[in-house]
């Protein structure tokens, strides 16, 4: 089983391509068949299937086959772990920017006196 860092690496690698980000957006509106997901993209189905495989390997989507139709859906845990990682970085930078702001205010007040 991959550790959290490896999982995040896979998620961000998966999100590094516009086609895969588009698939995530499409699936955000609900489950969809491979054909429906591939329709807006100008590429051969085998190439598109590779993008779906990257997303599935990263744990961001899952699929099930019913008859001849394969339907894909989002899987929240991988997306949530990426969101938590990004949120932690955001909080860290907000704290640093607040500290800088306080320092600049303090220097400005000292300069006025």
Protein backbone atom coordinates (compact mmCIF):
# COMPACT_ATOMS: atom_id res chain seq x y z
CA UNK A 1 0.00 0.00 0.00
CA UNK A 2 1.49 3.39 -0.95
CA UNK A 3 2.27 5.89 1.79
CA UNK A 4 0.63 9.32 1.96
CA UNK A 5 3.48 11.07 0.10
CA UNK A 6 3.34 8.56 -2.75
CA UNK A 7 -0.44 8.95 -2.90
CA UNK A 8 -0.18 12.74 -3.07
CA UNK A 9 2.49 12.43 -5.77
CA UNK A 10 0.11 10.30 -7.82
CA UNK A 11 -2.78 12.73 -7.33
CA UNK A 12 -0.75 15.78 -8.36
CA UNK A 13 0.77 13.88 -11.28
CA UNK A 14 -2.73 12.92 -12.38
CA UNK A 15 -3.89 16.52 -12.11
CA UNK A 16 -0.90 17.79 -14.11
CA UNK A 17 -2.64 17.12 -17.43
CA UNK A 18 -5.54 19.24 -18.72
CA UNK A 19 -7.44 16.23 -20.07
CA UNK A 20 -7.42 14.55 -16.68
CA UNK A 21 -8.45 17.76 -14.90
CA UNK A 22 -11.32 18.03 -17.38
CA UNK A 23 -12.39 14.46 -16.61
CA UNK A 24 -12.42 15.30 -12.89
CA UNK A 25 -14.61 18.33 -13.64
CA UNK A 26 -16.95 16.23 -15.78
CA UNK A 27 -17.26 13.59 -13.06
CA UNK A 28 -17.93 16.33 -10.52
CA UNK A 29 -21.32 16.60 -12.21
CA UNK A 30 -21.98 12.89 -11.70
CA UNK A 31 -20.94 9.44 -12.95
CA UNK A 32 -20.39 9.09 -16.69
CA UNK A 33 -19.58 6.42 -19.23
CA UNK A 34 -16.18 6.26 -20.87
CA UNK A 35 -17.78 7.27 -24.17
CA UNK A 36 -19.39 10.36 -22.64
CA UNK A 37 -16.13 11.33 -20.93
CA UNK A 38 -14.11 10.86 -24.13
CA UNK A 39 -16.55 12.71 -26.41
CA UNK A 40 -15.24 16.28 -25.82
CA UNK A 41 -11.62 15.22 -26.36
CA UNK A 42 -10.01 14.96 -29.76
CA UNK A 43 -8.00 11.78 -29.24
CA UNK A 44 -8.17 8.08 -29.94
CA UNK A 45 -10.05 6.03 -27.34
CA UNK A 46 -6.93 4.02 -26.32
CA UNK A 47 -5.09 7.28 -25.59
CA UNK A 48 -8.03 8.58 -23.59
CA UNK A 49 -8.23 5.30 -21.69
CA UNK A 50 -4.63 5.85 -20.54
CA UNK A 51 -5.72 9.13 -18.92
CA UNK A 52 -8.53 7.34 -17.12
CA UNK A 53 -6.07 4.70 -15.94
CA UNK A 54 -3.77 7.37 -14.44
CA UNK A 55 -6.75 8.82 -12.54
CA UNK A 56 -7.83 5.38 -11.39
CA UNK A 57 -4.29 4.44 -10.29
CA UNK A 58 -4.18 7.64 -8.23
CA UNK A 59 -7.42 6.59 -6.51
CA UNK A 60 -9.29 9.63 -7.82
CA UNK A 61 -11.86 7.71 -9.83
CA UNK A 62 -13.31 4.23 -9.91
CA UNK A 63 -15.24 2.35 -12.53
CA UNK A 64 -17.74 -0.42 -12.81
CA UNK A 65 -18.80 -2.34 -15.83
CA UNK A 66 -22.43 -3.11 -16.48
CA UNK A 67 -22.89 -5.09 -19.66
CA UNK A 68 -20.83 -3.35 -22.32
CA UNK A 69 -20.81 0.04 -20.59
CA UNK A 70 -18.05 1.11 -18.20
CA UNK A 71 -19.13 3.93 -15.89
CA UNK A 72 -16.69 6.12 -13.95
CA UNK A 73 -17.22 8.11 -10.77
CA UNK A 74 -15.15 10.30 -8.46
CA UNK A 75 -13.55 8.87 -5.35
CA UNK A 76 -13.38 11.51 -2.63
CA UNK A 77 -10.55 10.25 -0.35
CA UNK A 78 -7.70 11.01 -2.77
CA UNK A 79 -9.14 14.43 -3.56
CA UNK A 80 -9.69 15.17 0.13
CA UNK A 81 -6.10 14.28 1.05
CA UNK A 82 -4.82 16.64 -1.67
CA UNK A 83 -7.19 19.35 -0.44
CA UNK A 84 -5.88 18.92 3.13
CA UNK A 85 -2.27 19.18 1.93
CA UNK A 86 -3.03 22.36 -0.05
CA UNK A 87 -5.02 23.84 2.84
CA UNK A 88 -2.11 23.26 5.25
CA UNK A 89 0.24 25.13 2.85
CA UNK A 90 -2.31 27.94 2.52
CA UNK A 91 -2.60 28.34 6.31
CA UNK A 92 1.19 28.37 6.63
CA UNK A 93 1.54 31.13 4.03
CA UNK A 94 -1.31 33.16 5.52
CA UNK A 95 0.44 33.01 8.89
CA UNK A 96 3.71 34.17 7.31
CA UNK A 97 1.99 36.98 5.43
CA UNK A 98 0.23 38.08 8.63
CA UNK A 99 3.61 38.16 10.38
CA UNK A 100 5.07 40.23 7.55
CA UNK A 101 2.10 42.58 7.68
CA UNK A 102 2.57 43.05 11.44
CA UNK A 103 6.27 43.71 10.95
CA UNK A 104 5.63 46.31 8.25
CA UNK A 105 3.01 48.05 10.39
CA UNK A 106 5.41 48.09 13.32
CA UNK A 107 8.25 49.50 11.18
CA UNK A 108 5.92 52.13 9.73
CA UNK A 109 4.81 53.22 13.22
CA UNK A 110 8.43 53.45 14.40
CA UNK A 111 9.28 55.53 11.37
CA UNK A 112 6.51 58.03 12.17
CA UNK A 113 7.87 58.66 15.70
